[in-house]
């Protein structure tokens, strides 16, 4: 078993694996400009058994004054303005999705606004690696 860069000839096998897994997310297309790294694991017969793609994506951050100094309706209007402004900057650059990771203490209250007002979807839990250079090296 070994890793190698994905090639066009692997496309059908990777799509079949992704489809059979049934995760429900859009698998990137081979050659997509947003894919910055794409490797497969193959067996001794060069048959693909697993694939991973590193996709360029956008993580949005929001800084908003806490507390009641600004009326909630004003904050919602400010969020709407930022939402539209960032969308109008990112879509022409080829980005079709963004992520916002909410701290657990505000996820319930703020998450419902993202879904109801702005049309966001709740995604899966996220994990992060902060120092990839020194963590998880095999050998």
Protein backbone atom coordinates (compact mmCIF):
# COMPACT_ATOMS: atom_id res chain seq x y z
CA UNK A 1 0.00 0.00 0.00
CA UNK A 2 1.30 3.45 -0.88
CA UNK A 3 0.19 7.01 -1.56
CA UNK A 4 0.53 8.82 -4.84
CA UNK A 5 -0.91 11.96 -6.42
CA UNK A 6 -4.37 11.47 -7.87
CA UNK A 7 -4.52 11.16 -11.65
CA UNK A 8 -7.41 11.61 -14.05
CA UNK A 9 -7.67 7.82 -14.46
CA UNK A 10 -8.59 7.57 -10.75
CA UNK A 11 -11.67 9.78 -11.09
CA UNK A 12 -14.28 7.03 -11.49
CA UNK A 13 -12.86 4.97 -8.62
CA UNK A 14 -12.74 7.96 -6.28
CA UNK A 15 -16.30 9.01 -7.19
CA UNK A 16 -17.49 5.46 -6.57
CA UNK A 17 -15.81 5.33 -3.16
CA UNK A 18 -17.19 8.74 -2.18
CA UNK A 19 -20.69 7.82 -3.37
CA UNK A 20 -20.68 4.48 -1.57
CA UNK A 21 -19.62 6.18 1.67
CA UNK A 22 -22.82 8.25 1.53
CA UNK A 23 -21.52 11.22 3.52
CA UNK A 24 -23.76 13.70 1.74
CA UNK A 25 -21.21 16.36 0.88
CA UNK A 26 -20.17 17.50 -2.57
CA UNK A 27 -16.99 15.70 -3.58
CA UNK A 28 -14.58 18.00 -5.47
CA UNK A 29 -14.14 17.50 -9.19
CA UNK A 30 -10.71 16.45 -10.41
CA UNK A 31 -9.03 19.55 -11.85
CA UNK A 32 -11.12 21.97 -9.77
CA UNK A 33 -9.09 25.15 -9.14
CA UNK A 34 -10.01 25.04 -5.45
CA UNK A 35 -8.25 21.68 -4.92
CA UNK A 36 -4.69 22.39 -3.80
CA UNK A 37 -3.63 18.84 -2.93
CA UNK A 38 -5.10 15.50 -3.92
CA UNK A 39 -3.63 12.10 -3.10
CA UNK A 40 -4.86 8.53 -3.25
CA UNK A 41 -3.86 5.39 -1.41
CA UNK A 42 -3.49 2.42 -3.73
CA UNK A 43 -2.87 -1.26 -3.15
CA UNK A 44 -0.12 -3.35 -4.75
CA UNK A 45 -2.18 -3.52 -7.98
CA UNK A 46 -2.48 0.30 -8.10
CA UNK A 47 -6.19 0.07 -7.23
CA UNK A 48 -7.48 3.12 -5.37
CA UNK A 49 -8.69 2.29 -1.87
CA UNK A 50 -8.87 5.79 -0.38
CA UNK A 51 -8.54 9.41 -1.47
CA UNK A 52 -8.16 12.79 0.20
CA UNK A 53 -8.41 16.29 -1.20
CA UNK A 54 -7.14 19.53 0.27
CA UNK A 55 -9.63 22.15 -0.85
CA UNK A 56 -9.10 25.89 -0.63
CA UNK A 57 -12.04 27.21 1.35
CA UNK A 58 -13.05 30.27 3.31
CA UNK A 59 -13.47 30.46 7.05
CA UNK A 60 -15.38 33.55 8.13
CA UNK A 61 -14.65 35.37 11.37
CA UNK A 62 -16.95 37.93 12.97
CA UNK A 63 -16.12 40.52 15.61
CA UNK A 64 -19.21 42.01 17.22
CA UNK A 65 -19.54 44.07 20.40
CA UNK A 66 -21.08 41.89 23.11
CA UNK A 67 -23.89 43.02 25.33
CA UNK A 68 -26.77 45.42 24.92
CA UNK A 69 -25.07 48.65 23.84
CA UNK A 70 -26.20 48.05 20.24
CA UNK A 71 -29.79 47.03 19.56
CA UNK A 72 -30.13 43.42 18.27
CA UNK A 73 -31.90 44.61 15.11
CA UNK A 74 -28.96 46.91 14.34
CA UNK A 75 -26.58 43.97 14.82
CA UNK A 76 -28.66 41.80 12.48
CA UNK A 77 -28.65 44.51 9.83
CA UNK A 78 -24.87 44.89 10.22
CA UNK A 79 -24.48 41.12 9.82
CA UNK A 80 -26.64 41.22 6.68
CA UNK A 81 -24.47 43.97 5.21
CA UNK A 82 -21.29 42.03 5.96
CA UNK A 83 -22.82 38.81 4.65
CA UNK A 84 -23.70 40.42 1.31
CA UNK A 85 -20.43 42.33 1.02
CA UNK A 86 -18.24 39.28 1.65
CA UNK A 87 -20.38 37.13 -0.68
CA UNK A 88 -19.98 39.71 -3.43
CA UNK A 89 -16.19 39.62 -2.97
CA UNK A 90 -15.76 35.84 -2.65
CA UNK A 91 -18.11 34.44 -5.30
CA UNK A 92 -16.29 36.15 -8.22
CA UNK A 93 -13.05 34.59 -6.91
CA UNK A 94 -14.57 31.13 -7.38
CA UNK A 95 -15.59 30.31 -3.82
CA UNK A 96 -18.92 28.53 -3.55
CA UNK A 97 -18.98 27.83 0.17
CA UNK A 98 -17.71 29.28 3.43
CA UNK A 99 -17.48 27.99 6.97
CA UNK A 100 -18.14 29.73 10.27
CA UNK A 101 -17.15 27.84 13.42
CA UNK A 102 -19.22 28.99 16.38
CA UNK A 103 -18.03 28.59 19.96
CA UNK A 104 -20.34 26.24 21.89
CA UNK A 105 -21.55 29.03 24.18
CA UNK A 106 -23.09 30.99 21.28
CA UNK A 107 -23.86 28.19 18.80
CA UNK A 108 -27.50 27.75 19.79
CA UNK A 109 -28.46 31.44 19.74
CA UNK A 110 -26.31 32.60 16.81
CA UNK A 111 -26.60 29.40 14.77
CA UNK A 112 -30.35 29.78 14.47
CA UNK A 113 -29.89 33.29 13.05
CA UNK A 114 -27.39 32.02 10.48
CA UNK A 115 -29.86 29.34 9.39
CA UNK A 116 -33.11 31.32 9.49
CA UNK A 117 -32.00 34.74 8.27
CA UNK A 118 -28.99 34.01 6.09
CA UNK A 119 -29.71 30.49 4.78
CA UNK A 120 -26.67 28.75 6.26
CA UNK A 121 -26.73 25.03 6.97
CA UNK A 122 -25.44 23.35 10.09
CA UNK A 123 -22.47 21.17 9.16
CA UNK A 124 -20.59 18.45 10.97
CA UNK A 125 -18.34 18.91 13.99
CA UNK A 126 -14.92 20.28 13.08
CA UNK A 127 -11.41 19.29 14.09
CA UNK A 128 -8.25 21.33 13.75
CA UNK A 129 -4.54 20.60 13.68
CA UNK A 130 -2.40 23.55 14.69
CA UNK A 131 1.17 22.29 14.18
CA UNK A 132 1.00 19.77 11.36
CA UNK A 133 4.78 19.89 10.86
CA UNK A 134 5.50 18.05 14.10
CA UNK A 135 2.34 16.01 14.74
CA UNK A 136 1.39 12.64 13.32
CA UNK A 137 4.58 11.75 11.45
CA UNK A 138 4.69 8.02 10.83
CA UNK A 139 7.87 6.08 11.26
